[in-house]
Amino acid sequence: MAERIEIITVTVPAETPIATPQSTLIPWREGSPERVEFRIPPGPSGLVGVALAHSGRKVIPKNAAEWLITDNEAVIWPLEEYPSNAKWTILAYNLDIYDHVFQMRMLLREIRRPVPQEPDPVDVEPPNEPAHDAEVIPDDVYTVMGGPL
């Protein structure tokens, strides 16, 4: 279920050609996209095309030659298994003599990153100390005797 919505309003200038569409970076924090909605008000009359790209490559519609072309319609697209980083852009052209405005809404789930945990303290046993009643042999005894046996 989406926890956040990012909304961007895009104005596409008149006479923006299909060959060189306007590219608008979507300014958002990373998140796991669940759904995208394009709200196109009345007016474009088939003269405006919209697409969604990720990392410079068109993903909706997937075919590079296709565009979403609507008039007074909402286009809603589920985004399962799509990238979660913020490299999304809106591509749009406008063959009309008037500017056109539309809105794009991206519904996202927050990405939960694991919080680093403090390591559990390790129980360290103190080094073995000789018992108080044990005999301690000085180091020089080993030298006289030729080293440890």
C-alpha atoms as a PDB file:
ATOM      1  CA  MET A   1       0.000   0.000   0.000  1.00  0.00           C
ATOM      2  CA  ALA A   2       1.379   3.403  -0.976  1.00  0.00           C
ATOM      3  CA  GLU A   3       2.675   5.569   1.853  1.00  0.00           C
ATOM      4  CA  ARG A   4       3.593   8.648  -0.144  1.00  0.00           C
ATOM      5  CA  ILE A   5       2.522  10.471  -3.274  1.00  0.00           C
ATOM      6  CA  GLU A   6       4.764  12.661  -5.393  1.00  0.00           C
ATOM      7  CA  ILE A   7       2.909  15.107  -7.655  1.00  0.00           C
ATOM      8  CA  ILE A   8       4.395  17.070 -10.510  1.00  0.00           C
ATOM      9  CA  THR A   9       2.628  19.460 -12.856  1.00  0.00           C
ATOM     10  CA  VAL A  10       4.184  19.686 -16.302  1.00  0.00           C
ATOM     11  CA  THR A  11       3.652  22.435 -18.860  1.00  0.00           C
ATOM     12  CA  VAL A  12       4.541  21.328 -22.379  1.00  0.00           C
ATOM     13  CA  PRO A  13       5.310  24.313 -24.615  1.00  0.00           C
ATOM     14  CA  ALA A  14       3.503  24.657 -27.923  1.00  0.00           C
ATOM     15  CA  GLU A  15       5.241  23.135 -30.928  1.00  0.00           C
ATOM     16  CA  THR A  16       7.473  20.749 -28.936  1.00  0.00           C
ATOM     17  CA  PRO A  17       8.316  18.112 -31.573  1.00  0.00           C
ATOM     18  CA  ILE A  18       8.057  14.347 -31.164  1.00  0.00           C
ATOM     19  CA  ALA A  19      11.674  13.969 -32.306  1.00  0.00           C
ATOM     20  CA  THR A  20      12.951  16.148 -29.423  1.00  0.00           C
ATOM     21  CA  PRO A  21      10.402  15.836 -26.613  1.00  0.00           C
ATOM     22  CA  GLN A  22      10.566  17.855 -23.432  1.00  0.00           C
ATOM     23  CA  SER A  23      12.280  15.898 -20.656  1.00  0.00           C
ATOM     24  CA  THR A  24      11.268  16.705 -17.068  1.00  0.00           C
ATOM     25  CA  LEU A  25      13.142  15.115 -14.184  1.00  0.00           C
ATOM     26  CA  ILE A  26      10.818  13.949 -11.417  1.00  0.00           C
ATOM     27  CA  PRO A  27      12.199  15.506  -8.199  1.00  0.00           C
ATOM     28  CA  TRP A  28      11.522  12.907  -5.519  1.00  0.00           C
ATOM     29  CA  ARG A  29      13.135  10.839  -2.807  1.00  0.00           C
ATOM     30  CA  GLU A  30      13.723   7.200  -3.550  1.00  0.00           C
ATOM     31  CA  GLY A  31      10.839   4.882  -2.921  1.00  0.00           C
ATOM     32  CA  SER A  32       9.284   1.731  -4.263  1.00  0.00           C
ATOM     33  CA  PRO A  33       6.832   2.876  -6.966  1.00  0.00           C
ATOM     34  CA  GLU A  34       3.413   1.230  -6.871  1.00  0.00           C
ATOM     35  CA  ARG A  35       1.432   3.245  -9.367  1.00  0.00           C
ATOM     36  CA  VAL A  36       1.676   6.202 -11.708  1.00  0.00           C
ATOM     37  CA  GLU A  37      -1.247   8.374 -12.752  1.00  0.00           C
ATOM     38  CA  PHE A  38      -1.324  10.867 -15.597  1.00  0.00           C
ATOM     39  CA  ARG A  39      -4.176  13.386 -15.366  1.00  0.00           C
ATOM     40  CA  ILE A  40      -4.670  15.006 -18.759  1.00  0.00           C
ATOM     41  CA  PRO A  41      -7.327  17.752 -18.776  1.00  0.00           C
ATOM     42  CA  PRO A  42      -9.495  18.518 -21.828  1.00  0.00           C
ATOM     43  CA  GLY A  43      -7.814  20.401 -24.652  1.00  0.00           C
ATOM     44  CA  PRO A  44      -4.907  18.488 -26.214  1.00  0.00           C
ATOM     45  CA  SER A  45      -7.187  16.831 -28.810  1.00  0.00           C
ATOM     46  CA  GLY A  46      -4.587  14.171 -29.619  1.00  0.00           C
ATOM     47  CA  LEU A  47      -1.784  16.669 -30.157  1.00  0.00           C
ATOM     48  CA  VAL A  48       0.101  15.931 -26.915  1.00  0.00           C
ATOM     49  CA  GLY A  49       1.943  12.706 -26.146  1.00  0.00           C
ATOM     50  CA  VAL A  50       3.336  11.653 -22.779  1.00  0.00           C
ATOM     51  CA  ALA A  51       5.712   8.873 -21.697  1.00  0.00           C
ATOM     52  CA  LEU A  52       7.573   7.833 -18.564  1.00  0.00           C
ATOM     53  CA  ALA A  53      11.286   7.051 -18.748  1.00  0.00           C
ATOM     54  CA  HIS A  54      13.796   5.610 -16.324  1.00  0.00           C
ATOM     55  CA  SER A  55      17.551   6.190 -16.682  1.00  0.00           C
ATOM     56  CA  GLY A  56      16.951   7.758 -20.097  1.00  0.00           C
ATOM     57  CA  ARG A  57      14.956   4.815 -21.477  1.00  0.00           C
ATOM     58  CA  LYS A  58      11.228   4.875 -22.143  1.00  0.00           C
ATOM     59  CA  VAL A  59       9.355   2.360 -19.973  1.00  0.00           C
ATOM     60  CA  ILE A  60       5.697   3.458 -20.295  1.00  0.00           C
ATOM     61  CA  PRO A  61       4.728   2.820 -22.966  1.00  0.00           C
ATOM     62  CA  LYS A  62       7.570   0.393 -23.485  1.00  0.00           C
ATOM     63  CA  ASN A  63       7.763   0.686 -27.266  1.00  0.00           C
ATOM     64  CA  ALA A  64       9.992   3.666 -28.094  1.00  0.00           C
ATOM     65  CA  ALA A  65       7.691   4.758 -30.939  1.00  0.00           C
ATOM     66  CA  GLU A  66       4.516   4.841 -28.813  1.00  0.00           C
ATOM     67  CA  TRP A  67       3.110   7.596 -26.580  1.00  0.00           C
ATOM     68  CA  LEU A  68       0.179   7.996 -24.220  1.00  0.00           C
ATOM     69  CA  ILE A  69      -2.153  10.271 -26.175  1.00  0.00           C
ATOM     70  CA  THR A  70      -5.317  11.290 -24.343  1.00  0.00           C
ATOM     71  CA  ASP A  71      -7.750  14.127 -23.833  1.00  0.00           C
ATOM     72  CA  ASN A  72      -9.714  14.640 -20.596  1.00  0.00           C
ATOM     73  CA  GLU A  73      -8.646  11.264 -19.251  1.00  0.00           C
ATOM     74  CA  ALA A  74      -6.752   9.729 -16.367  1.00  0.00           C
ATOM     75  CA  VAL A  75      -4.216   7.054 -17.259  1.00  0.00           C
ATOM     76  CA  ILE A  76      -3.411   4.813 -14.282  1.00  0.00           C
ATOM     77  CA  TRP A  77      -0.587   2.307 -14.531  1.00  0.00           C
ATOM     78  CA  PRO A  78       0.524  -0.186 -11.845  1.00  0.00           C
ATOM     79  CA  LEU A  79       4.283  -0.239 -11.312  1.00  0.00           C
ATOM     80  CA  GLU A  80       5.199  -3.668 -10.013  1.00  0.00           C
ATOM     81  CA  GLU A  81       8.865  -4.651 -10.293  1.00  0.00           C
ATOM     82  CA  TYR A  82       9.939  -1.202 -11.540  1.00  0.00           C
ATOM     83  CA  PRO A  83      13.166   0.451 -10.314  1.00  0.00           C
ATOM     84  CA  SER A  84      13.014   2.237  -6.968  1.00  0.00           C
ATOM     85  CA  ASN A  85      15.675   4.877  -7.458  1.00  0.00           C
ATOM     86  CA  ALA A  86      14.996   8.465  -8.397  1.00  0.00           C
ATOM     87  CA  LYS A  87      16.077   8.391 -12.055  1.00  0.00           C
ATOM     88  CA  TRP A  88      12.582   8.870 -13.494  1.00  0.00           C
ATOM     89  CA  THR A  89      11.703  11.467 -16.135  1.00  0.00           C
ATOM     90  CA  ILE A  90       8.559  12.522 -17.955  1.00  0.00           C
ATOM     91  CA  LEU A  91       8.825  12.870 -21.717  1.00  0.00           C
ATOM     92  CA  ALA A  92       6.241  14.934 -23.587  1.00  0.00           C
ATOM     93  CA  TYR A  93       5.642  16.480 -26.962  1.00  0.00           C
ATOM     94  CA  ASN A  94       3.048  19.041 -28.036  1.00  0.00           C
ATOM     95  CA  LEU A  95       2.131  19.592 -31.691  1.00  0.00           C
ATOM     96  CA  ASP A  96      -0.516  22.194 -30.815  1.00  0.00           C
ATOM     97  CA  ILE A  97      -0.106  25.973 -31.091  1.00  0.00           C
ATOM     98  CA  TYR A  98      -1.023  26.297 -27.382  1.00  0.00           C
ATOM     99  CA  ASP A  99       0.874  25.186 -24.289  1.00  0.00           C
ATOM    100  CA  HIS A 100      -0.711  22.254 -22.461  1.00  0.00           C
ATOM    101  CA  VAL A 101      -0.523  21.281 -18.796  1.00  0.00           C
ATOM    102  CA  PHE A 102      -0.945  17.853 -17.221  1.00  0.00           C
ATOM    103  CA  GLN A 103      -0.263  16.307 -13.850  1.00  0.00           C
ATOM    104  CA  MET A 104       1.661  13.159 -12.997  1.00  0.00           C
ATOM    105  CA  ARG A 105       1.261  11.419  -9.639  1.00  0.00           C
ATOM    106  CA  MET A 106       3.623   8.701  -8.447  1.00  0.00           C
ATOM    107  CA  LEU A 107       2.398   6.593  -5.517  1.00  0.00           C
ATOM    108  CA  LEU A 108       5.267   5.096  -3.525  1.00  0.00           C
ATOM    109  CA  ARG A 109       6.058   2.826  -0.630  1.00  0.00           C
ATOM    110  CA  GLU A 110       8.940   3.904   1.581  1.00  0.00           C
ATOM    111  CA  ILE A 111      12.079   1.783   1.362  1.00  0.00           C
ATOM    112  CA  ARG A 112      12.931   0.391   4.755  1.00  0.00           C
ATOM    113  CA  ARG A 113      16.672   0.079   5.220  1.00  0.00           C
ATOM    114  CA  PRO A 114      17.898  -2.094   8.083  1.00  0.00           C
ATOM    115  CA  VAL A 115      19.161  -0.081  11.018  1.00  0.00           C
ATOM    116  CA  PRO A 116      22.700  -1.106  11.961  1.00  0.00           C
ATOM    117  CA  GLN A 117      22.670  -2.963  15.238  1.00  0.00           C
ATOM    118  CA  GLU A 118      25.298  -2.606  17.923  1.00  0.00           C
ATOM    119  CA  PRO A 119      27.195  -5.877  18.162  1.00  0.00           C
ATOM    120  CA  ASP A 120      26.435  -7.927  21.229  1.00  0.00           C
ATOM    121  CA  PRO A 121      29.168  -7.574  23.841  1.00  0.00           C
ATOM    122  CA  VAL A 122      31.421 -10.606  23.737  1.00  0.00           C
ATOM    123  CA  ASP A 123      32.061 -12.311  27.030  1.00  0.00           C
ATOM    124  CA  VAL A 124      35.826 -12.396  27.313  1.00  0.00           C
ATOM    125  CA  GLU A 125      37.239 -14.556  30.012  1.00  0.00           C
ATOM    126  CA  PRO A 126      40.286 -13.172  31.771  1.00  0.00           C
ATOM    127  CA  PRO A 127      43.548 -14.932  30.878  1.00  0.00           C
ATOM    128  CA  ASN A 128      44.382 -17.965  32.934  1.00  0.00           C
ATOM    129  CA  GLU A 129      46.232 -16.791  35.990  1.00  0.00           C
ATOM    130  CA  PRO A 130      48.328 -19.269  37.892  1.00  0.00           C
ATOM    131  CA  ALA A 131      46.740 -20.460  41.079  1.00  0.00           C
ATOM    132  CA  HIS A 132      48.139 -18.697  44.127  1.00  0.00           C
ATOM    133  CA  ASP A 133      49.604 -21.889  45.465  1.00  0.00           C
ATOM    134  CA  ALA A 134      51.142 -22.960  42.108  1.00  0.00           C
ATOM    135  CA  GLU A 135      54.869 -22.804  41.672  1.00  0.00           C
ATOM    136  CA  VAL A 136      55.991 -20.193  39.135  1.00  0.00           C
ATOM    137  CA  ILE A 137      59.094 -21.170  37.199  1.00  0.00           C
ATOM    138  CA  PRO A 138      61.266 -18.195  36.229  1.00  0.00           C
ATOM    139  CA  ASP A 139      62.067 -17.699  32.540  1.00  0.00           C
ATOM    140  CA  ASP A 140      65.805 -18.130  33.037  1.00  0.00           C
ATOM    141  CA  VAL A 141      65.269 -21.741  34.178  1.00  0.00           C
ATOM    142  CA  TYR A 142      64.194 -22.664  30.653  1.00  0.00           C
ATOM    143  CA  THR A 143      67.386 -21.188  29.263  1.00  0.00           C
ATOM    144  CA  VAL A 144      69.551 -23.194  31.645  1.00  0.00           C
ATOM    145  CA  MET A 145      67.636 -26.373  31.003  1.00  0.00           C
ATOM    146  CA  GLY A 146      67.672 -25.931  27.176  1.00  0.00           C
ATOM    147  CA  GLY A 147      64.140 -24.704  26.689  1.00  0.00           C
ATOM    148  CA  PRO A 148      60.699 -26.119  27.390  1.00  0.00           C
ATOM    149  CA  LEU A 149      60.146 -29.862  27.165  1.00  0.00           C
END
